[in-house]
Amino acid sequence: MNVIALHASDLAIASCLVLLCAAISLVLRLNLQKQILWSATRTIVQLLLVGQLLRVVFTHASAGLTLLIITVMMALAIREVAVRPKARLQRHGNLVISAMAVASATLICVFFITNTAVEPTPWYDPRYVVALVGIVLGSALNAASLALDTMLTGATRERLAIEARISLGAPARQAFAGLLRESVRRGIVPSINQMAAAGIITLPGIMTGQILAGMDPSEAAKYQILLMFLLCGASTLAAMGAAFGAMRHLSDERGRLRLDRLRNPS
């Protein structure tokens, strides 16, 4: 494949766009310049480190090393989902829900795709498994965090309506029905928008990267379609897991609403 190599000077030139964003923030008093520069710095450090790490993993491919990388990636994603919502459950409830939603969605989708459309040999080939897990985690993380945040804040906001349904004899699932739908919908919508815009409005990042790396555009499009479907499934499973997990934490075996399980219930 005809790949155009990038040098440090090329990245330095591209960084002028980031500096421009920071300058605009300063001029307009958006107070985002520090965040922009810090995020850009983190991007450089993180991606360069990951690039070197993956080079080692690909060179010394082994099941143990691949599983270790996946475990670390998943643990970081779970933590990210747990800390994003403003509302927090007691006894590390956010972490428990995040672990259940993100881990199950990621493992189900990656196991499905690596045993059907993509069948790497050996099964732990990091060029496929680590890459797929990384892509799926990003989608699952976003969907789960949106759904969890909507559930925790919505339960407080709709407290009277939920308690009214419960007092009339409705089970927890029925009392939370509207909020559950809203939470899952909010988690899935970004994935739906991404699929709807792909190809016509935007060229997705994966497809663009493959084309720049020299892959035939038709083959790159097939891979992108596969990944889009994979991300849609992961988003749906993660959003559902987070929403239903939050509902279980916010109710008890007697069907009562338990906002006291939030750290700062209002």
C-alpha atoms as a PDB file:
ATOM      1  CA  MET A   1       0.000   0.000   0.000  1.00  0.00           C
ATOM      2  CA  ASN A   2       1.169   3.514  -0.791  1.00  0.00           C
ATOM      3  CA  VAL A   3       1.261   5.174   2.631  1.00  0.00           C
ATOM      4  CA  ILE A   4       2.356   8.789   3.091  1.00  0.00           C
ATOM      5  CA  ALA A   5       4.599   8.874   6.149  1.00  0.00           C
ATOM      6  CA  LEU A   6       3.999  11.692   8.619  1.00  0.00           C
ATOM      7  CA  HIS A   7       6.856  13.410  10.427  1.00  0.00           C
ATOM      8  CA  ALA A   8       6.994  15.512  13.583  1.00  0.00           C
ATOM      9  CA  SER A   9       7.061  18.664  11.453  1.00  0.00           C
ATOM     10  CA  ASP A  10       3.778  17.649   9.783  1.00  0.00           C
ATOM     11  CA  LEU A  11       2.094  17.232  13.160  1.00  0.00           C
ATOM     12  CA  ALA A  12       3.540  20.556  14.301  1.00  0.00           C
ATOM     13  CA  ILE A  13       1.949  22.260  11.306  1.00  0.00           C
ATOM     14  CA  ALA A  14      -1.393  20.568  12.017  1.00  0.00           C
ATOM     15  CA  SER A  15      -1.189  21.764  15.628  1.00  0.00           C
ATOM     16  CA  CYS A  16      -1.583  25.330  14.344  1.00  0.00           C
ATOM     17  CA  LEU A  17      -5.300  24.568  14.035  1.00  0.00           C
ATOM     18  CA  VAL A  18      -5.438  23.747  17.749  1.00  0.00           C
ATOM     19  CA  LEU A  19      -3.569  26.941  18.573  1.00  0.00           C
ATOM     20  CA  LEU A  20      -6.072  28.822  16.420  1.00  0.00           C
ATOM     21  CA  CYS A  21      -8.946  27.325  18.442  1.00  0.00           C
ATOM     22  CA  ALA A  22      -7.233  28.335  21.684  1.00  0.00           C
ATOM     23  CA  ALA A  23      -6.666  31.865  20.360  1.00  0.00           C
ATOM     24  CA  ILE A  24     -10.318  32.199  19.368  1.00  0.00           C
ATOM     25  CA  SER A  25     -11.357  31.020  22.823  1.00  0.00           C
ATOM     26  CA  LEU A  26      -9.086  33.655  24.370  1.00  0.00           C
ATOM     27  CA  VAL A  27     -10.352  36.471  22.164  1.00  0.00           C
ATOM     28  CA  LEU A  28     -14.013  35.573  22.682  1.00  0.00           C
ATOM     29  CA  ARG A  29     -13.446  34.939  26.413  1.00  0.00           C
ATOM     30  CA  LEU A  30     -14.808  31.403  26.216  1.00  0.00           C
ATOM     31  CA  ASN A  31     -12.347  30.298  28.900  1.00  0.00           C
ATOM     32  CA  LEU A  32     -11.694  27.055  27.034  1.00  0.00           C
ATOM     33  CA  GLN A  33      -8.116  27.700  25.940  1.00  0.00           C
ATOM     34  CA  LYS A  34      -6.576  25.751  28.808  1.00  0.00           C
ATOM     35  CA  GLN A  35      -8.858  22.790  28.171  1.00  0.00           C
ATOM     36  CA  ILE A  36      -8.088  22.869  24.457  1.00  0.00           C
ATOM     37  CA  LEU A  37      -4.332  22.930  24.971  1.00  0.00           C
ATOM     38  CA  TRP A  38      -4.436  20.321  27.737  1.00  0.00           C
ATOM     39  CA  SER A  39      -6.616  18.004  25.645  1.00  0.00           C
ATOM     40  CA  ALA A  40      -4.310  18.398  22.662  1.00  0.00           C
ATOM     41  CA  THR A  41      -1.291  17.609  24.832  1.00  0.00           C
ATOM     42  CA  ARG A  42      -3.003  14.534  26.232  1.00  0.00           C
ATOM     43  CA  THR A  43      -3.884  13.423  22.701  1.00  0.00           C
ATOM     44  CA  ILE A  44      -0.239  13.617  21.622  1.00  0.00           C
ATOM     45  CA  VAL A  45       1.128  11.790  24.656  1.00  0.00           C
ATOM     46  CA  GLN A  46      -1.600   9.145  24.850  1.00  0.00           C
ATOM     47  CA  LEU A  47      -1.659   8.237  21.179  1.00  0.00           C
ATOM     48  CA  LEU A  48       2.114   8.103  20.821  1.00  0.00           C
ATOM     49  CA  LEU A  49       2.348   5.872  23.898  1.00  0.00           C
ATOM     50  CA  VAL A  50      -0.447   3.654  22.622  1.00  0.00           C
ATOM     51  CA  GLY A  51       1.239   3.432  19.241  1.00  0.00           C
ATOM     52  CA  GLN A  52       4.485   2.222  20.815  1.00  0.00           C
ATOM     53  CA  LEU A  53       2.625  -0.167  23.107  1.00  0.00           C
ATOM     54  CA  LEU A  54       0.635  -1.695  20.262  1.00  0.00           C
ATOM     55  CA  ARG A  55       3.811  -2.139  18.254  1.00  0.00           C
ATOM     56  CA  VAL A  56       5.170  -4.308  21.057  1.00  0.00           C
ATOM     57  CA  VAL A  57       1.855  -6.168  21.434  1.00  0.00           C
ATOM     58  CA  PHE A  58       1.655  -6.880  17.698  1.00  0.00           C
ATOM     59  CA  THR A  59       5.267  -8.041  17.577  1.00  0.00           C
ATOM     60  CA  HIS A  60       4.957 -10.360  20.584  1.00  0.00           C
ATOM     61  CA  ALA A  61       1.370 -11.488  20.057  1.00  0.00           C
ATOM     62  CA  SER A  62       0.089 -13.793  22.784  1.00  0.00           C
ATOM     63  CA  ALA A  63      -3.280 -14.584  24.339  1.00  0.00           C
ATOM     64  CA  GLY A  64      -2.183 -13.365  27.774  1.00  0.00           C
ATOM     65  CA  LEU A  65      -0.873 -10.039  26.499  1.00  0.00           C
ATOM     66  CA  THR A  66      -3.965  -9.428  24.386  1.00  0.00           C
ATOM     67  CA  LEU A  67      -6.287 -10.191  27.318  1.00  0.00           C
ATOM     68  CA  LEU A  68      -4.240  -7.914  29.584  1.00  0.00           C
ATOM     69  CA  ILE A  69      -4.532  -4.993  27.157  1.00  0.00           C
ATOM     70  CA  ILE A  70      -8.270  -5.579  26.773  1.00  0.00           C
ATOM     71  CA  THR A  71      -8.761  -5.748  30.543  1.00  0.00           C
ATOM     72  CA  VAL A  72      -6.933  -2.468  31.105  1.00  0.00           C
ATOM     73  CA  MET A  73      -8.875  -0.739  28.325  1.00  0.00           C
ATOM     74  CA  MET A  74     -12.171  -2.006  29.693  1.00  0.00           C
ATOM     75  CA  ALA A  75     -11.329  -0.981  33.267  1.00  0.00           C
ATOM     76  CA  LEU A  76     -10.531   2.567  32.140  1.00  0.00           C
ATOM     77  CA  ALA A  77     -13.750   2.764  30.123  1.00  0.00           C
ATOM     78  CA  ILE A  78     -15.812   1.506  33.076  1.00  0.00           C
ATOM     79  CA  ARG A  79     -14.292   4.126  35.352  1.00  0.00           C
ATOM     80  CA  GLU A  80     -14.977   6.838  32.788  1.00  0.00           C
ATOM     81  CA  VAL A  81     -18.652   5.884  32.576  1.00  0.00           C
ATOM     82  CA  ALA A  82     -18.955   5.807  36.373  1.00  0.00           C
ATOM     83  CA  VAL A  83     -17.562   9.311  36.944  1.00  0.00           C
ATOM     84  CA  ARG A  84     -19.290  11.155  34.100  1.00  0.00           C
ATOM     85  CA  PRO A  85     -22.816  11.481  35.593  1.00  0.00           C
ATOM     86  CA  LYS A  86     -23.260  14.329  38.064  1.00  0.00           C
ATOM     87  CA  ALA A  87     -25.392  12.136  40.319  1.00  0.00           C
ATOM     88  CA  ARG A  88     -23.628   9.300  42.147  1.00  0.00           C
ATOM     89  CA  LEU A  89     -25.021   6.197  43.782  1.00  0.00           C
ATOM     90  CA  GLN A  90     -23.758   5.070  47.168  1.00  0.00           C
ATOM     91  CA  ARG A  91     -21.571   1.989  47.610  1.00  0.00           C
ATOM     92  CA  HIS A  92     -19.918   2.445  44.210  1.00  0.00           C
ATOM     93  CA  GLY A  93     -23.258   1.897  42.480  1.00  0.00           C
ATOM     94  CA  ASN A  94     -22.164   3.838  39.393  1.00  0.00           C
ATOM     95  CA  LEU A  95     -19.105   1.620  39.060  1.00  0.00           C
ATOM     96  CA  VAL A  96     -21.135  -1.578  39.378  1.00  0.00           C
ATOM     97  CA  ILE A  97     -23.640  -0.465  36.746  1.00  0.00           C
ATOM     98  CA  SER A  98     -20.873   0.716  34.420  1.00  0.00           C
ATOM     99  CA  ALA A  99     -18.993  -2.572  34.731  1.00  0.00           C
ATOM    100  CA  MET A 100     -22.102  -4.583  33.949  1.00  0.00           C
ATOM    101  CA  ALA A 101     -23.211  -2.453  30.995  1.00  0.00           C
ATOM    102  CA  VAL A 102     -19.865  -1.780  29.323  1.00  0.00           C
ATOM    103  CA  ALA A 103     -18.275  -5.191  29.846  1.00  0.00           C
ATOM    104  CA  SER A 104     -21.322  -7.181  28.716  1.00  0.00           C
ATOM    105  CA  ALA A 105     -21.971  -5.019  25.634  1.00  0.00           C
ATOM    106  CA  THR A 106     -18.320  -5.089  24.571  1.00  0.00           C
ATOM    107  CA  LEU A 107     -17.749  -8.807  25.115  1.00  0.00           C
ATOM    108  CA  ILE A 108     -21.004  -9.843  23.430  1.00  0.00           C
ATOM    109  CA  CYS A 109     -20.456  -7.712  20.338  1.00  0.00           C
ATOM    110  CA  VAL A 110     -16.755  -8.495  19.907  1.00  0.00           C
ATOM    111  CA  PHE A 111     -17.311 -12.229  20.481  1.00  0.00           C
ATOM    112  CA  PHE A 112     -20.144 -12.190  17.940  1.00  0.00           C
ATOM    113  CA  ILE A 113     -18.202 -10.373  15.230  1.00  0.00           C
ATOM    114  CA  THR A 114     -14.967 -12.338  15.689  1.00  0.00           C
ATOM    115  CA  ASN A 115     -16.880 -15.598  15.317  1.00  0.00           C
ATOM    116  CA  THR A 116     -18.896 -14.572  12.258  1.00  0.00           C
ATOM    117  CA  ALA A 117     -17.762 -11.880   9.833  1.00  0.00           C
ATOM    118  CA  VAL A 118     -14.226 -11.468  11.166  1.00  0.00           C
ATOM    119  CA  GLU A 119     -12.475 -14.673  12.181  1.00  0.00           C
ATOM    120  CA  PRO A 120      -8.881 -13.859  13.171  1.00  0.00           C
ATOM    121  CA  THR A 121      -6.307 -16.626  13.309  1.00  0.00           C
ATOM    122  CA  PRO A 122      -5.289 -17.079  16.053  1.00  0.00           C
ATOM    123  CA  TRP A 123      -8.390 -15.902  17.905  1.00  0.00           C
ATOM    124  CA  TYR A 124      -6.339 -13.501  20.043  1.00  0.00           C
ATOM    125  CA  ASP A 125      -4.677 -11.733  17.107  1.00  0.00           C
ATOM    126  CA  PRO A 126      -4.288  -8.228  18.621  1.00  0.00           C
ATOM    127  CA  ARG A 127      -4.476  -6.496  15.237  1.00  0.00           C
ATOM    128  CA  TYR A 128      -8.138  -7.472  15.151  1.00  0.00           C
ATOM    129  CA  VAL A 129      -9.210  -8.120  18.737  1.00  0.00           C
ATOM    130  CA  VAL A 130      -7.593  -5.090  20.392  1.00  0.00           C
ATOM    131  CA  ALA A 131      -8.699  -2.812  17.558  1.00  0.00           C
ATOM    132  CA  LEU A 132     -12.298  -4.049  17.691  1.00  0.00           C
ATOM    133  CA  VAL A 133     -12.487  -3.801  21.477  1.00  0.00           C
ATOM    134  CA  GLY A 134     -11.125  -0.254  21.329  1.00  0.00           C
ATOM    135  CA  ILE A 135     -13.738   0.822  18.790  1.00  0.00           C
ATOM    136  CA  VAL A 136     -16.633  -0.858  20.597  1.00  0.00           C
ATOM    137  CA  LEU A 137     -15.587   0.526  23.984  1.00  0.00           C
ATOM    138  CA  GLY A 138     -15.809   4.080  22.712  1.00  0.00           C
ATOM    139  CA  SER A 139     -19.383   3.596  21.559  1.00  0.00           C
ATOM    140  CA  ALA A 140     -20.441   1.605  24.631  1.00  0.00           C
ATOM    141  CA  LEU A 141     -18.840   4.194  26.935  1.00  0.00           C
ATOM    142  CA  ASN A 142     -20.750   7.061  25.369  1.00  0.00           C
ATOM    143  CA  ALA A 143     -24.102   5.246  25.305  1.00  0.00           C
ATOM    144  CA  ALA A 144     -23.826   3.925  28.866  1.00  0.00           C
ATOM    145  CA  SER A 145     -22.780   7.274  30.336  1.00  0.00           C
ATOM    146  CA  LEU A 146     -25.648   9.112  28.621  1.00  0.00           C
ATOM    147  CA  ALA A 147     -28.209   6.525  29.718  1.00  0.00           C
ATOM    148  CA  LEU A 148     -26.911   6.377  33.288  1.00  0.00           C
ATOM    149  CA  ASP A 149     -26.840  10.161  33.652  1.00  0.00           C
ATOM    150  CA  THR A 150     -30.388  10.435  32.294  1.00  0.00           C
ATOM    151  CA  MET A 151     -31.670   7.794  34.716  1.00  0.00           C
ATOM    152  CA  LEU A 152     -30.031   9.238  37.831  1.00  0.00           C
ATOM    153  CA  THR A 153     -31.005  12.845  37.167  1.00  0.00           C
ATOM    154  CA  GLY A 154     -34.418  11.912  35.791  1.00  0.00           C
ATOM    155  CA  ALA A 155     -35.371   9.846  38.831  1.00  0.00           C
ATOM    156  CA  THR A 156     -34.905  12.897  41.043  1.00  0.00           C
ATOM    157  CA  ARG A 157     -36.711  15.173  38.623  1.00  0.00           C
ATOM    158  CA  GLU A 158     -39.667  12.785  38.169  1.00  0.00           C
ATOM    159  CA  ARG A 159     -39.795  11.605  41.756  1.00  0.00           C
ATOM    160  CA  LEU A 160     -43.446  12.512  42.366  1.00  0.00           C
ATOM    161  CA  ALA A 161     -44.654  10.880  39.144  1.00  0.00           C
ATOM    162  CA  ILE A 162     -42.740   7.668  39.822  1.00  0.00           C
ATOM    163  CA  GLU A 163     -43.951   7.464  43.414  1.00  0.00           C
ATOM    164  CA  ALA A 164     -47.518   8.109  42.276  1.00  0.00           C
ATOM    165  CA  ARG A 165     -47.394   5.140  39.889  1.00  0.00           C
ATOM    166  CA  ILE A 166     -45.880   2.944  42.608  1.00  0.00           C
ATOM    167  CA  SER A 167     -48.567   3.983  45.095  1.00  0.00           C
ATOM    168  CA  LEU A 168     -51.199   2.877  42.565  1.00  0.00           C
ATOM    169  CA  GLY A 169     -49.644  -0.589  42.501  1.00  0.00           C
ATOM    170  CA  ALA A 170     -47.399  -0.332  39.456  1.00  0.00           C
ATOM    171  CA  PRO A 171     -44.216  -2.447  39.583  1.00  0.00           C
ATOM    172  CA  ALA A 172     -40.878  -0.660  39.374  1.00  0.00           C
ATOM    173  CA  ARG A 173     -40.415  -1.366  35.676  1.00  0.00           C
ATOM    174  CA  GLN A 174     -43.786   0.161  34.839  1.00  0.00           C
ATOM    175  CA  ALA A 175     -43.227   3.131  37.147  1.00  0.00           C
ATOM    176  CA  PHE A 176     -39.857   3.833  35.498  1.00  0.00           C
ATOM    177  CA  ALA A 177     -41.082   3.013  31.963  1.00  0.00           C
ATOM    178  CA  GLY A 178     -41.014   6.542  30.567  1.00  0.00           C
ATOM    179  CA  LEU A 179     -37.629   7.329  32.080  1.00  0.00           C
ATOM    180  CA  LEU A 180     -36.206   4.019  30.871  1.00  0.00           C
ATOM    181  CA  ARG A 181     -37.287   4.760  27.314  1.00  0.00           C
ATOM    182  CA  GLU A 182     -35.855   8.267  27.461  1.00  0.00           C
ATOM    183  CA  SER A 183     -32.529   7.005  28.850  1.00  0.00           C
ATOM    184  CA  VAL A 184     -32.076   4.213  26.300  1.00  0.00           C
ATOM    185  CA  ARG A 185     -33.136   6.515  23.462  1.00  0.00           C
ATOM    186  CA  ARG A 186     -30.608   9.146  24.512  1.00  0.00           C
ATOM    187  CA  GLY A 187     -27.862   6.536  24.601  1.00  0.00           C
ATOM    188  CA  ILE A 188     -28.668   5.161  21.140  1.00  0.00           C
ATOM    189  CA  VAL A 189     -29.330   8.398  19.239  1.00  0.00           C
ATOM    190  CA  PRO A 190     -25.626   9.292  18.635  1.00  0.00           C
ATOM    191  CA  SER A 191     -25.086   5.897  16.996  1.00  0.00           C
ATOM    192  CA  ILE A 192     -28.185   6.334  14.823  1.00  0.00           C
ATOM    193  CA  ASN A 193     -27.067   9.808  13.750  1.00  0.00           C
ATOM    194  CA  GLN A 194     -23.626   8.456  12.915  1.00  0.00           C
ATOM    195  CA  MET A 195     -25.088   5.756  10.671  1.00  0.00           C
ATOM    196  CA  ALA A 196     -27.511   8.155   8.983  1.00  0.00           C
ATOM    197  CA  ALA A 197     -24.748  10.638   8.131  1.00  0.00           C
ATOM    198  CA  ALA A 198     -22.121   8.089   7.027  1.00  0.00           C
ATOM    199  CA  GLY A 199     -21.156   8.323   3.385  1.00  0.00           C
ATOM    200  CA  ILE A 200     -23.513  11.134   2.383  1.00  0.00           C
ATOM    201  CA  ILE A 201     -22.556  13.854   4.863  1.00  0.00           C
ATOM    202  CA  THR A 202     -19.342  12.493   6.348  1.00  0.00           C
ATOM    203  CA  LEU A 203     -16.651   9.929   5.658  1.00  0.00           C
ATOM    204  CA  PRO A 204     -16.238   8.045   8.947  1.00  0.00           C
ATOM    205  CA  GLY A 205     -12.812   8.101  10.562  1.00  0.00           C
ATOM    206  CA  ILE A 206     -12.100   4.382  10.135  1.00  0.00           C
ATOM    207  CA  MET A 207     -12.894   4.432   6.427  1.00  0.00           C
ATOM    208  CA  THR A 208     -10.883   7.614   5.912  1.00  0.00           C
ATOM    209  CA  GLY A 209      -7.889   6.106   7.701  1.00  0.00           C
ATOM    210  CA  GLN A 210      -8.027   2.955   5.592  1.00  0.00           C
ATOM    211  CA  ILE A 211      -8.253   4.960   2.370  1.00  0.00           C
ATOM    212  CA  LEU A 212      -5.301   7.120   3.424  1.00  0.00           C
ATOM    213  CA  ALA A 213      -3.403   3.912   4.202  1.00  0.00           C
ATOM    214  CA  GLY A 214      -3.956   2.745   0.622  1.00  0.00           C
ATOM    215  CA  MET A 215      -6.915   0.349   0.914  1.00  0.00           C
ATOM    216  CA  ASP A 216      -9.371   0.135  -1.960  1.00  0.00           C
ATOM    217  CA  PRO A 217     -12.314   2.486  -1.181  1.00  0.00           C
ATOM    218  CA  SER A 218     -14.883  -0.262  -1.810  1.00  0.00           C
ATOM    219  CA  GLU A 219     -13.197  -2.590   0.681  1.00  0.00           C
ATOM    220  CA  ALA A 220     -12.833   0.267   3.166  1.00  0.00           C
ATOM    221  CA  ALA A 221     -16.568   0.948   2.811  1.00  0.00           C
ATOM    222  CA  LYS A 222     -17.399  -2.695   3.624  1.00  0.00           C
ATOM    223  CA  TYR A 223     -15.311  -2.569   6.786  1.00  0.00           C
ATOM    224  CA  GLN A 224     -16.954   0.693   7.797  1.00  0.00           C
ATOM    225  CA  ILE A 225     -20.443  -0.751   7.315  1.00  0.00           C
ATOM    226  CA  LEU A 226     -19.482  -3.722   9.465  1.00  0.00           C
ATOM    227  CA  LEU A 227     -18.154  -1.435  12.199  1.00  0.00           C
ATOM    228  CA  MET A 228     -21.195   0.840  12.086  1.00  0.00           C
ATOM    229  CA  PHE A 229     -23.495  -2.112  12.686  1.00  0.00           C
ATOM    230  CA  LEU A 230     -21.201  -3.332  15.450  1.00  0.00           C
ATOM    231  CA  LEU A 231     -21.254   0.060  17.171  1.00  0.00           C
ATOM    232  CA  CYS A 232     -25.033   0.288  16.890  1.00  0.00           C
ATOM    233  CA  GLY A 233     -25.402  -3.041  18.655  1.00  0.00           C
ATOM    234  CA  ALA A 234     -22.886  -2.123  21.344  1.00  0.00           C
ATOM    235  CA  SER A 235     -24.578   1.229  21.990  1.00  0.00           C
ATOM    236  CA  THR A 236     -27.985  -0.377  22.367  1.00  0.00           C
ATOM    237  CA  LEU A 237     -26.794  -3.090  24.748  1.00  0.00           C
ATOM    238  CA  ALA A 238     -24.752  -0.651  26.836  1.00  0.00           C
ATOM    239  CA  ALA A 239     -27.578   1.888  27.087  1.00  0.00           C
ATOM    240  CA  MET A 240     -30.063  -0.804  28.101  1.00  0.00           C
ATOM    241  CA  GLY A 241     -27.655  -2.272  30.646  1.00  0.00           C
ATOM    242  CA  ALA A 242     -27.003   1.110  32.239  1.00  0.00           C
ATOM    243  CA  ALA A 243     -30.663   2.139  32.300  1.00  0.00           C
ATOM    244  CA  PHE A 244     -31.981  -1.101  33.779  1.00  0.00           C
ATOM    245  CA  GLY A 245     -29.045  -1.310  36.188  1.00  0.00           C
ATOM    246  CA  ALA A 246     -29.830   2.176  37.477  1.00  0.00           C
ATOM    247  CA  MET A 247     -33.499   1.270  37.870  1.00  0.00           C
ATOM    248  CA  ARG A 248     -32.596  -1.741  40.015  1.00  0.00           C
ATOM    249  CA  HIS A 249     -30.364   0.407  42.229  1.00  0.00           C
ATOM    250  CA  LEU A 250     -33.070   3.063  42.600  1.00  0.00           C
ATOM    251  CA  SER A 251     -35.744   0.592  43.709  1.00  0.00           C
ATOM    252  CA  ASP A 252     -35.863  -2.246  46.210  1.00  0.00           C
ATOM    253  CA  GLU A 253     -37.506  -5.666  46.464  1.00  0.00           C
ATOM    254  CA  ARG A 254     -40.675  -4.024  47.764  1.00  0.00           C
ATOM    255  CA  GLY A 255     -40.923  -1.814  44.683  1.00  0.00           C
ATOM    256  CA  ARG A 256     -40.192   1.435  46.526  1.00  0.00           C
ATOM    257  CA  LEU A 257     -38.290   4.360  45.007  1.00  0.00           C
ATOM    258  CA  ARG A 258     -34.949   4.630  46.829  1.00  0.00           C
ATOM    259  CA  LEU A 259     -33.496   8.051  46.114  1.00  0.00           C
ATOM    260  CA  ASP A 260     -31.744   7.792  49.471  1.00  0.00           C
ATOM    261  CA  ARG A 261     -29.244   5.581  47.681  1.00  0.00           C
ATOM    262  CA  LEU A 262     -27.995   8.653  45.858  1.00  0.00           C
ATOM    263  CA  ARG A 263     -25.170  10.459  47.623  1.00  0.00           C
ATOM    264  CA  ASN A 264     -26.923  13.809  47.530  1.00  0.00           C
ATOM    265  CA  PRO A 265     -30.631  13.138  46.968  1.00  0.00           C
ATOM    266  CA  SER A 266     -32.850  16.182  46.652  1.00  0.00           C
END
